[in-house]
Amino acid sequence: MFHFEDGEVILIDKPLDWTSFDTVNFIRSLLNRCYGIRKLKVGHAGTLDPLATGLLILCTGKMTKQIDAYQAQVKTYTGTMLLGQTTPTFDLESEPNAFFPTDGITPEQIEAARVQFIGDLKQYPPKYSAIKIKGKRAFDYARSDEEIELKARDVRINDFKLNLDRFPELDFEVTCSKGTYIRSLANDFGKALGNGACLTSLRRTRIGDFKVEDAWPLEKLKQHIVDTGDEFKAWKKEQEKGLQISNSTPADCKSAGTST
């Protein structure tokens, strides 16, 4: 049984089409309904896009103070990028806006492009991102066709592996620093080839020492919370009862040790 109010670190395997915010709200609502916890701090340690799946760290109660530390840890992703087309969002959330021939691309060219993206880099975030600029999210500017200036950010890519077996789809594994946009990596990789590319799938498999294999599928976590709701409420009642007893002082105890 979890003790969410004291503070828990919960590993969740975020499903497709859910935002990270959706997941936080879902767990908070579930705890309110099943555990009777009405006021509880719940936060996540690193956003995943709706079209991405995988490891999402949720912190509750006192453990929300550790969110910044978890966010700063190195992350690993697996996924697929498609050469030969680009989209405004750098993934499949928007329709293609340009197409390029891929039959002239060689494995040697792909390797030469790959090594350019290992180490310390300057990376521009996608226009369609949640970065705040003058109080508004970048995607709000993009959706209203307002021009914005996005500043390059310092990121580090420790490892970047590619599998060419399904060319022009390239399967990859990336280990990188906080703040790295894999959508931007895919878009920039296409440019480095003199071509185009967009992200078609993404899964976060690791944050520091935390692995997605140890994470709860959201449906199973929901069922666990539902199943343990009555147990938690009974435990909470006993805790409160014990607290009331310890705070009450019998009359004979008050007089113990006093002189007359």
C-alpha atoms as a PDB file:
ATOM      1  CA  MET A   1       0.000   0.000   0.000  1.00  0.00           C
ATOM      2  CA  PHE A   2       1.307   3.424  -0.981  1.00  0.00           C
ATOM      3  CA  HIS A   3       1.494   6.307   1.502  1.00  0.00           C
ATOM      4  CA  PHE A   4       0.896   9.135  -0.931  1.00  0.00           C
ATOM      5  CA  GLU A   5       0.537  11.916   1.644  1.00  0.00           C
ATOM      6  CA  ASP A   6       3.901  11.156   3.256  1.00  0.00           C
ATOM      7  CA  GLY A   7       5.501  11.095  -0.176  1.00  0.00           C
ATOM      8  CA  GLU A   8       5.906   8.519  -2.911  1.00  0.00           C
ATOM      9  CA  VAL A   9       7.919   8.189  -6.116  1.00  0.00           C
ATOM     10  CA  ILE A  10       5.796   6.270  -8.617  1.00  0.00           C
ATOM     11  CA  LEU A  11       7.058   5.028 -11.969  1.00  0.00           C
ATOM     12  CA  ILE A  12       4.361   5.063 -14.641  1.00  0.00           C
ATOM     13  CA  ASP A  13       4.444   3.735 -18.194  1.00  0.00           C
ATOM     14  CA  LYS A  14       2.577   6.611 -19.848  1.00  0.00           C
ATOM     15  CA  PRO A  15       0.177   5.423 -22.552  1.00  0.00           C
ATOM     16  CA  LEU A  16      -0.102   6.853 -26.047  1.00  0.00           C
ATOM     17  CA  ASP A  17      -2.205  10.020 -26.528  1.00  0.00           C
ATOM     18  CA  TRP A  18      -2.080  10.996 -22.846  1.00  0.00           C
ATOM     19  CA  THR A  19      -0.332  14.216 -21.864  1.00  0.00           C
ATOM     20  CA  SER A  20       1.861  14.180 -18.771  1.00  0.00           C
ATOM     21  CA  PHE A  21      -0.593  16.648 -17.224  1.00  0.00           C
ATOM     22  CA  ASP A  22      -3.476  14.243 -17.995  1.00  0.00           C
ATOM     23  CA  THR A  23      -1.646  11.530 -16.067  1.00  0.00           C
ATOM     24  CA  VAL A  24      -1.038  13.732 -13.011  1.00  0.00           C
ATOM     25  CA  ASN A  25      -4.685  14.848 -12.939  1.00  0.00           C
ATOM     26  CA  PHE A  26      -5.913  11.282 -13.357  1.00  0.00           C
ATOM     27  CA  ILE A  27      -3.895  10.029 -10.359  1.00  0.00           C
ATOM     28  CA  ARG A  28      -4.876  13.029  -8.226  1.00  0.00           C
ATOM     29  CA  SER A  29      -8.571  12.478  -9.018  1.00  0.00           C
ATOM     30  CA  LEU A  30      -8.262   8.742  -8.337  1.00  0.00           C
ATOM     31  CA  LEU A  31      -6.690   9.341  -4.921  1.00  0.00           C
ATOM     32  CA  ASN A  32      -9.434  11.790  -4.052  1.00  0.00           C
ATOM     33  CA  ARG A  33     -12.127   9.284  -4.967  1.00  0.00           C
ATOM     34  CA  CYS A  34     -10.582   6.047  -3.617  1.00  0.00           C
ATOM     35  CA  TYR A  35      -8.350   7.208  -0.756  1.00  0.00           C
ATOM     36  CA  GLY A  36     -10.327  10.252   0.296  1.00  0.00           C
ATOM     37  CA  ILE A  37      -7.260  12.486  -0.114  1.00  0.00           C
ATOM     38  CA  ARG A  38      -8.596  15.876  -1.159  1.00  0.00           C
ATOM     39  CA  LYS A  39      -5.485  18.028  -1.034  1.00  0.00           C
ATOM     40  CA  LEU A  40      -2.277  16.454  -2.266  1.00  0.00           C
ATOM     41  CA  LYS A  41       0.772  17.711  -4.114  1.00  0.00           C
ATOM     42  CA  VAL A  42       1.354  15.618  -7.239  1.00  0.00           C
ATOM     43  CA  GLY A  43       3.892  16.425  -9.958  1.00  0.00           C
ATOM     44  CA  HIS A  44       5.908  14.750 -12.687  1.00  0.00           C
ATOM     45  CA  ALA A  45       9.643  14.830 -13.346  1.00  0.00           C
ATOM     46  CA  GLY A  46       9.865  15.494 -17.070  1.00  0.00           C
ATOM     47  CA  THR A  47       7.213  15.998 -19.757  1.00  0.00           C
ATOM     48  CA  LEU A  48       6.424  13.395 -22.403  1.00  0.00           C
ATOM     49  CA  ASP A  49       4.591  14.473 -25.554  1.00  0.00           C
ATOM     50  CA  PRO A  50       1.135  12.926 -26.140  1.00  0.00           C
ATOM     51  CA  LEU A  51       2.515  10.809 -29.005  1.00  0.00           C
ATOM     52  CA  ALA A  52       5.313   9.461 -26.803  1.00  0.00           C
ATOM     53  CA  THR A  53       5.011   6.562 -24.391  1.00  0.00           C
ATOM     54  CA  GLY A  54       7.188   5.288 -21.586  1.00  0.00           C
ATOM     55  CA  LEU A  55       8.668   6.237 -18.273  1.00  0.00           C
ATOM     56  CA  LEU A  56       7.064   9.086 -16.359  1.00  0.00           C
ATOM     57  CA  ILE A  57       8.121   9.712 -12.763  1.00  0.00           C
ATOM     58  CA  LEU A  58       5.293  10.929 -10.522  1.00  0.00           C
ATOM     59  CA  CYS A  59       6.068  12.385  -7.105  1.00  0.00           C
ATOM     60  CA  THR A  60       3.556  12.980  -4.326  1.00  0.00           C
ATOM     61  CA  GLY A  61       3.598  14.777  -0.987  1.00  0.00           C
ATOM     62  CA  LYS A  62       7.059  15.536   0.377  1.00  0.00           C
ATOM     63  CA  MET A  63       8.740  13.754  -2.538  1.00  0.00           C
ATOM     64  CA  THR A  64       7.686  16.562  -4.892  1.00  0.00           C
ATOM     65  CA  LYS A  65      10.743  18.376  -3.511  1.00  0.00           C
ATOM     66  CA  GLN A  66      12.871  15.853  -5.426  1.00  0.00           C
ATOM     67  CA  ILE A  67      11.347  16.604  -8.829  1.00  0.00           C
ATOM     68  CA  ASP A  68      14.138  18.949  -9.952  1.00  0.00           C
ATOM     69  CA  ALA A  69      16.757  16.338  -9.056  1.00  0.00           C
ATOM     70  CA  TYR A  70      14.986  13.645 -11.078  1.00  0.00           C
ATOM     71  CA  GLN A  71      14.461  15.997 -14.025  1.00  0.00           C
ATOM     72  CA  ALA A  72      18.186  16.708 -14.177  1.00  0.00           C
ATOM     73  CA  GLN A  73      19.110  13.053 -14.687  1.00  0.00           C
ATOM     74  CA  VAL A  74      20.201  11.567 -18.008  1.00  0.00           C
ATOM     75  CA  LYS A  75      17.389  10.066 -20.098  1.00  0.00           C
ATOM     76  CA  THR A  76      17.237   7.286 -22.672  1.00  0.00           C
ATOM     77  CA  TYR A  77      14.742   7.067 -25.528  1.00  0.00           C
ATOM     78  CA  THR A  78      13.994   4.594 -28.300  1.00  0.00           C
ATOM     79  CA  GLY A  79      11.975   5.417 -31.367  1.00  0.00           C
ATOM     80  CA  THR A  80      11.734   5.787 -35.120  1.00  0.00           C
ATOM     81  CA  MET A  81      12.276   8.658 -37.528  1.00  0.00           C
ATOM     82  CA  LEU A  82      11.151   8.696 -41.139  1.00  0.00           C
ATOM     83  CA  LEU A  83      13.431  10.178 -43.788  1.00  0.00           C
ATOM     84  CA  GLY A  84      11.953  11.905 -46.825  1.00  0.00           C
ATOM     85  CA  GLN A  85       9.368  14.178 -45.243  1.00  0.00           C
ATOM     86  CA  THR A  86       8.989  16.963 -42.701  1.00  0.00           C
ATOM     87  CA  THR A  87       6.051  18.202 -40.636  1.00  0.00           C
ATOM     88  CA  PRO A  88       5.497  21.522 -38.809  1.00  0.00           C
ATOM     89  CA  THR A  89       5.498  19.764 -35.414  1.00  0.00           C
ATOM     90  CA  PHE A  90       8.500  17.530 -36.316  1.00  0.00           C
ATOM     91  CA  ASP A  91       6.325  14.456 -35.591  1.00  0.00           C
ATOM     92  CA  LEU A  92       3.035  12.918 -36.781  1.00  0.00           C
ATOM     93  CA  GLU A  93       0.839  15.325 -34.822  1.00  0.00           C
ATOM     94  CA  SER A  94       0.646  17.415 -38.007  1.00  0.00           C
ATOM     95  CA  GLU A  95       0.448  16.572 -41.716  1.00  0.00           C
ATOM     96  CA  PRO A  96       3.605  16.531 -43.895  1.00  0.00           C
ATOM     97  CA  ASN A  97       4.537  19.902 -45.370  1.00  0.00           C
ATOM     98  CA  ALA A  98       7.433  18.780 -47.610  1.00  0.00           C
ATOM     99  CA  PHE A  99       8.687  15.597 -49.286  1.00  0.00           C
ATOM    100  CA  PHE A 100      12.180  14.584 -50.403  1.00  0.00           C
ATOM    101  CA  PRO A 101      13.590  11.656 -52.419  1.00  0.00           C
ATOM    102  CA  THR A 102      15.577   9.188 -50.302  1.00  0.00           C
ATOM    103  CA  ASP A 103      16.937   6.774 -52.913  1.00  0.00           C
ATOM    104  CA  GLY A 104      20.268   8.608 -53.110  1.00  0.00           C
ATOM    105  CA  ILE A 105      21.043   8.457 -49.381  1.00  0.00           C
ATOM    106  CA  THR A 106      23.855   6.040 -48.517  1.00  0.00           C
ATOM    107  CA  PRO A 107      24.772   4.344 -45.222  1.00  0.00           C
ATOM    108  CA  GLU A 108      28.009   6.322 -45.238  1.00  0.00           C
ATOM    109  CA  GLN A 109      26.098   9.608 -45.420  1.00  0.00           C
ATOM    110  CA  ILE A 110      23.858   8.525 -42.563  1.00  0.00           C
ATOM    111  CA  GLU A 111      26.877   7.649 -40.410  1.00  0.00           C
ATOM    112  CA  ALA A 112      28.551  10.984 -41.196  1.00  0.00           C
ATOM    113  CA  ALA A 113      25.367  12.778 -40.119  1.00  0.00           C
ATOM    114  CA  ARG A 114      24.950  10.634 -36.989  1.00  0.00           C
ATOM    115  CA  VAL A 115      28.336  11.492 -35.475  1.00  0.00           C
ATOM    116  CA  GLN A 116      27.547  15.211 -35.785  1.00  0.00           C
ATOM    117  CA  PHE A 117      24.904  14.777 -33.099  1.00  0.00           C
ATOM    118  CA  ILE A 118      27.036  13.240 -30.360  1.00  0.00           C
ATOM    119  CA  GLY A 119      28.432  15.470 -27.629  1.00  0.00           C
ATOM    120  CA  ASP A 120      27.565  19.007 -26.553  1.00  0.00           C
ATOM    121  CA  LEU A 121      25.182  20.703 -28.965  1.00  0.00           C
ATOM    122  CA  LYS A 122      23.121  23.837 -29.478  1.00  0.00           C
ATOM    123  CA  GLN A 123      19.549  22.772 -30.195  1.00  0.00           C
ATOM    124  CA  TYR A 124      16.510  24.838 -31.166  1.00  0.00           C
ATOM    125  CA  PRO A 125      13.239  23.591 -29.638  1.00  0.00           C
ATOM    126  CA  PRO A 126      10.264  22.955 -31.939  1.00  0.00           C
ATOM    127  CA  LYS A 127       7.877  25.859 -32.514  1.00  0.00           C
ATOM    128  CA  TYR A 128       5.160  23.512 -31.330  1.00  0.00           C
ATOM    129  CA  SER A 129       6.457  23.056 -27.787  1.00  0.00           C
ATOM    130  CA  ALA A 130       5.446  24.033 -24.263  1.00  0.00           C
ATOM    131  CA  ILE A 131       8.338  26.459 -23.761  1.00  0.00           C
ATOM    132  CA  LYS A 132       7.126  29.789 -22.369  1.00  0.00           C
ATOM    133  CA  ILE A 133       7.933  33.008 -24.211  1.00  0.00           C
ATOM    134  CA  LYS A 134       6.646  36.251 -22.703  1.00  0.00           C
ATOM    135  CA  GLY A 135       4.073  34.369 -20.663  1.00  0.00           C
ATOM    136  CA  LYS A 136       2.710  32.260 -23.543  1.00  0.00           C
ATOM    137  CA  ARG A 137       3.518  28.746 -24.690  1.00  0.00           C
ATOM    138  CA  ALA A 138       5.437  28.482 -27.957  1.00  0.00           C
ATOM    139  CA  PHE A 139       2.698  26.300 -29.470  1.00  0.00           C
ATOM    140  CA  ASP A 140       0.132  29.064 -28.842  1.00  0.00           C
ATOM    141  CA  TYR A 141       2.189  31.434 -31.014  1.00  0.00           C
ATOM    142  CA  ALA A 142       2.645  28.725 -33.663  1.00  0.00           C
ATOM    143  CA  ARG A 143      -1.063  27.887 -33.825  1.00  0.00           C
ATOM    144  CA  SER A 144      -1.950  31.533 -34.382  1.00  0.00           C
ATOM    145  CA  ASP A 145       0.816  31.929 -37.002  1.00  0.00           C
ATOM    146  CA  GLU A 146       2.672  34.496 -34.895  1.00  0.00           C
ATOM    147  CA  GLU A 147       6.407  34.739 -35.504  1.00  0.00           C
ATOM    148  CA  ILE A 148       8.533  33.999 -32.448  1.00  0.00           C
ATOM    149  CA  GLU A 149      12.251  33.797 -31.830  1.00  0.00           C
ATOM    150  CA  LEU A 150      13.274  30.544 -30.200  1.00  0.00           C
ATOM    151  CA  LYS A 151      16.688  30.543 -28.566  1.00  0.00           C
ATOM    152  CA  ALA A 152      19.071  27.623 -28.954  1.00  0.00           C
ATOM    153  CA  ARG A 153      19.611  25.577 -25.801  1.00  0.00           C
ATOM    154  CA  ASP A 154      22.671  23.732 -24.582  1.00  0.00           C
ATOM    155  CA  VAL A 155      22.058  19.980 -24.644  1.00  0.00           C
ATOM    156  CA  ARG A 156      24.253  16.902 -24.582  1.00  0.00           C
ATOM    157  CA  ILE A 157      23.773  13.652 -26.455  1.00  0.00           C
ATOM    158  CA  ASN A 158      25.851  10.924 -24.877  1.00  0.00           C
ATOM    159  CA  ASP A 159      24.938   8.180 -27.330  1.00  0.00           C
ATOM    160  CA  PHE A 160      23.004   7.992 -30.595  1.00  0.00           C
ATOM    161  CA  LYS A 161      22.516   4.560 -32.162  1.00  0.00           C
ATOM    162  CA  LEU A 162      20.802   3.947 -35.500  1.00  0.00           C
ATOM    163  CA  ASN A 163      19.424   0.826 -37.169  1.00  0.00           C
ATOM    164  CA  LEU A 164      19.034   1.097 -40.967  1.00  0.00           C
ATOM    165  CA  ASP A 165      17.258  -2.245 -41.528  1.00  0.00           C
ATOM    166  CA  ARG A 166      13.917  -0.543 -42.310  1.00  0.00           C
ATOM    167  CA  PHE A 167      15.279   2.401 -44.349  1.00  0.00           C
ATOM    168  CA  PRO A 168      13.912   5.054 -44.958  1.00  0.00           C
ATOM    169  CA  GLU A 169      12.584   4.459 -41.446  1.00  0.00           C
ATOM    170  CA  LEU A 170      15.475   4.679 -38.980  1.00  0.00           C
ATOM    171  CA  ASP A 171      15.092   3.064 -35.573  1.00  0.00           C
ATOM    172  CA  PHE A 172      17.204   4.727 -32.898  1.00  0.00           C
ATOM    173  CA  GLU A 173      18.262   4.796 -29.273  1.00  0.00           C
ATOM    174  CA  VAL A 174      19.356   8.103 -27.751  1.00  0.00           C
ATOM    175  CA  THR A 175      20.858   8.849 -24.348  1.00  0.00           C
ATOM    176  CA  CYS A 176      20.768  12.565 -23.632  1.00  0.00           C
ATOM    177  CA  SER A 177      20.616  15.396 -21.127  1.00  0.00           C
ATOM    178  CA  LYS A 178      17.648  17.208 -19.678  1.00  0.00           C
ATOM    179  CA  GLY A 179      16.010  19.582 -22.152  1.00  0.00           C
ATOM    180  CA  THR A 180      16.805  17.600 -25.300  1.00  0.00           C
ATOM    181  CA  TYR A 181      13.955  17.510 -27.817  1.00  0.00           C
ATOM    182  CA  ILE A 182      14.024  14.244 -29.761  1.00  0.00           C
ATOM    183  CA  ARG A 183      11.624  15.807 -32.288  1.00  0.00           C
ATOM    184  CA  SER A 184      14.232  18.490 -32.969  1.00  0.00           C
ATOM    185  CA  LEU A 185      16.945  15.839 -33.214  1.00  0.00           C
ATOM    186  CA  ALA A 186      14.959  14.038 -35.932  1.00  0.00           C
ATOM    187  CA  ASN A 187      14.317  17.271 -37.836  1.00  0.00           C
ATOM    188  CA  ASP A 188      17.946  18.392 -37.558  1.00  0.00           C
ATOM    189  CA  PHE A 189      19.184  14.961 -38.631  1.00  0.00           C
ATOM    190  CA  GLY A 190      17.152  15.209 -41.830  1.00  0.00           C
ATOM    191  CA  LYS A 191      18.655  18.631 -42.524  1.00  0.00           C
ATOM    192  CA  ALA A 192      22.177  17.287 -41.939  1.00  0.00           C
ATOM    193  CA  LEU A 193      21.510  14.761 -44.723  1.00  0.00           C
ATOM    194  CA  GLY A 194      20.302  17.528 -47.055  1.00  0.00           C
ATOM    195  CA  ASN A 195      16.906  15.849 -46.817  1.00  0.00           C
ATOM    196  CA  GLY A 196      14.040  15.837 -44.326  1.00  0.00           C
ATOM    197  CA  ALA A 197      12.927  13.712 -41.394  1.00  0.00           C
ATOM    198  CA  CYS A 198      10.205  13.553 -38.781  1.00  0.00           C
ATOM    199  CA  LEU A 199       9.649  11.535 -35.640  1.00  0.00           C
ATOM    200  CA  THR A 200       7.113   8.703 -36.024  1.00  0.00           C
ATOM    201  CA  SER A 201       7.375   7.024 -32.602  1.00  0.00           C
ATOM    202  CA  LEU A 202       9.074   7.694 -29.273  1.00  0.00           C
ATOM    203  CA  ARG A 203       9.394   5.809 -26.005  1.00  0.00           C
ATOM    204  CA  ARG A 204      11.313   6.885 -22.891  1.00  0.00           C
ATOM    205  CA  THR A 205      12.961   3.836 -21.400  1.00  0.00           C
ATOM    206  CA  ARG A 206      15.135   5.258 -18.642  1.00  0.00           C
ATOM    207  CA  ILE A 207      15.656   8.276 -16.349  1.00  0.00           C
ATOM    208  CA  GLY A 208      18.868   7.958 -14.348  1.00  0.00           C
ATOM    209  CA  ASP A 209      18.648   4.560 -12.632  1.00  0.00           C
ATOM    210  CA  PHE A 210      14.856   4.304 -13.112  1.00  0.00           C
ATOM    211  CA  LYS A 211      13.747   1.893 -15.863  1.00  0.00           C
ATOM    212  CA  VAL A 212      10.437   1.605 -17.705  1.00  0.00           C
ATOM    213  CA  GLU A 213      10.475  -2.158 -17.012  1.00  0.00           C
ATOM    214  CA  ASP A 214       9.846  -1.294 -13.364  1.00  0.00           C
ATOM    215  CA  ALA A 215       7.001   1.115 -14.135  1.00  0.00           C
ATOM    216  CA  TRP A 216       3.282   0.610 -13.537  1.00  0.00           C
ATOM    217  CA  PRO A 217       1.035   0.395 -16.594  1.00  0.00           C
ATOM    218  CA  LEU A 218      -1.533   3.098 -15.868  1.00  0.00           C
ATOM    219  CA  GLU A 219      -4.487   0.697 -15.873  1.00  0.00           C
ATOM    220  CA  LYS A 220      -2.792  -1.617 -13.353  1.00  0.00           C
ATOM    221  CA  LEU A 221      -1.917   1.302 -11.081  1.00  0.00           C
ATOM    222  CA  LYS A 222      -5.524   2.457 -11.249  1.00  0.00           C
ATOM    223  CA  GLN A 223      -6.728  -1.011 -10.237  1.00  0.00           C
ATOM    224  CA  HIS A 224      -4.224  -1.158  -7.366  1.00  0.00           C
ATOM    225  CA  ILE A 225      -5.437   2.173  -5.990  1.00  0.00           C
ATOM    226  CA  VAL A 226      -9.070   1.094  -6.320  1.00  0.00           C
ATOM    227  CA  ASP A 227      -8.365  -2.252  -4.611  1.00  0.00           C
ATOM    228  CA  THR A 228      -6.456  -0.708  -1.682  1.00  0.00           C
ATOM    229  CA  GLY A 229      -8.754   2.259  -1.086  1.00  0.00           C
ATOM    230  CA  ASP A 230     -10.692   0.688   1.802  1.00  0.00           C
ATOM    231  CA  GLU A 231      -7.484  -0.636   3.359  1.00  0.00           C
ATOM    232  CA  PHE A 232      -5.941   2.834   3.282  1.00  0.00           C
ATOM    233  CA  LYS A 233      -9.007   4.484   4.796  1.00  0.00           C
ATOM    234  CA  ALA A 234      -9.039   1.921   7.652  1.00  0.00           C
ATOM    235  CA  TRP A 235      -5.314   2.472   8.251  1.00  0.00           C
ATOM    236  CA  LYS A 236      -5.803   6.243   8.202  1.00  0.00           C
ATOM    237  CA  LYS A 237      -8.641   5.957  10.727  1.00  0.00           C
ATOM    238  CA  GLU A 238      -6.424   3.939  13.081  1.00  0.00           C
ATOM    239  CA  GLN A 239      -3.619   6.502  12.721  1.00  0.00           C
ATOM    240  CA  GLU A 240      -5.950   9.357  13.579  1.00  0.00           C
ATOM    241  CA  LYS A 241      -7.387   7.404  16.520  1.00  0.00           C
ATOM    242  CA  GLY A 242      -3.876   6.770  17.857  1.00  0.00           C
ATOM    243  CA  LEU A 243      -3.033  10.439  17.495  1.00  0.00           C
ATOM    244  CA  GLN A 244      -6.106  11.455  19.468  1.00  0.00           C
ATOM    245  CA  ILE A 245      -5.149   9.063  22.305  1.00  0.00           C
ATOM    246  CA  SER A 246      -1.554  10.333  22.453  1.00  0.00           C
ATOM    247  CA  ASN A 247      -2.734  13.945  22.531  1.00  0.00           C
ATOM    248  CA  SER A 248      -5.143  13.350  25.435  1.00  0.00           C
ATOM    249  CA  THR A 249      -3.641  13.488  28.970  1.00  0.00           C
ATOM    250  CA  PRO A 250      -5.497  11.722  31.822  1.00  0.00           C
ATOM    251  CA  ALA A 251      -5.993  13.684  35.071  1.00  0.00           C
ATOM    252  CA  ASP A 252      -3.801  11.318  37.138  1.00  0.00           C
ATOM    253  CA  CYS A 253      -0.951  11.732  34.660  1.00  0.00           C
ATOM    254  CA  LYS A 254      -1.193  15.502  34.988  1.00  0.00           C
ATOM    255  CA  SER A 255      -0.686  15.242  38.741  1.00  0.00           C
ATOM    256  CA  ALA A 256       2.112  12.670  38.557  1.00  0.00           C
ATOM    257  CA  GLY A 257       5.420  14.039  39.760  1.00  0.00           C
ATOM    258  CA  THR A 258       3.968  17.155  41.389  1.00  0.00           C
ATOM    259  CA  SER A 259       4.583  17.980  45.079  1.00  0.00           C
ATOM    260  CA  THR A 260       1.870  19.014  47.544  1.00  0.00           C
END
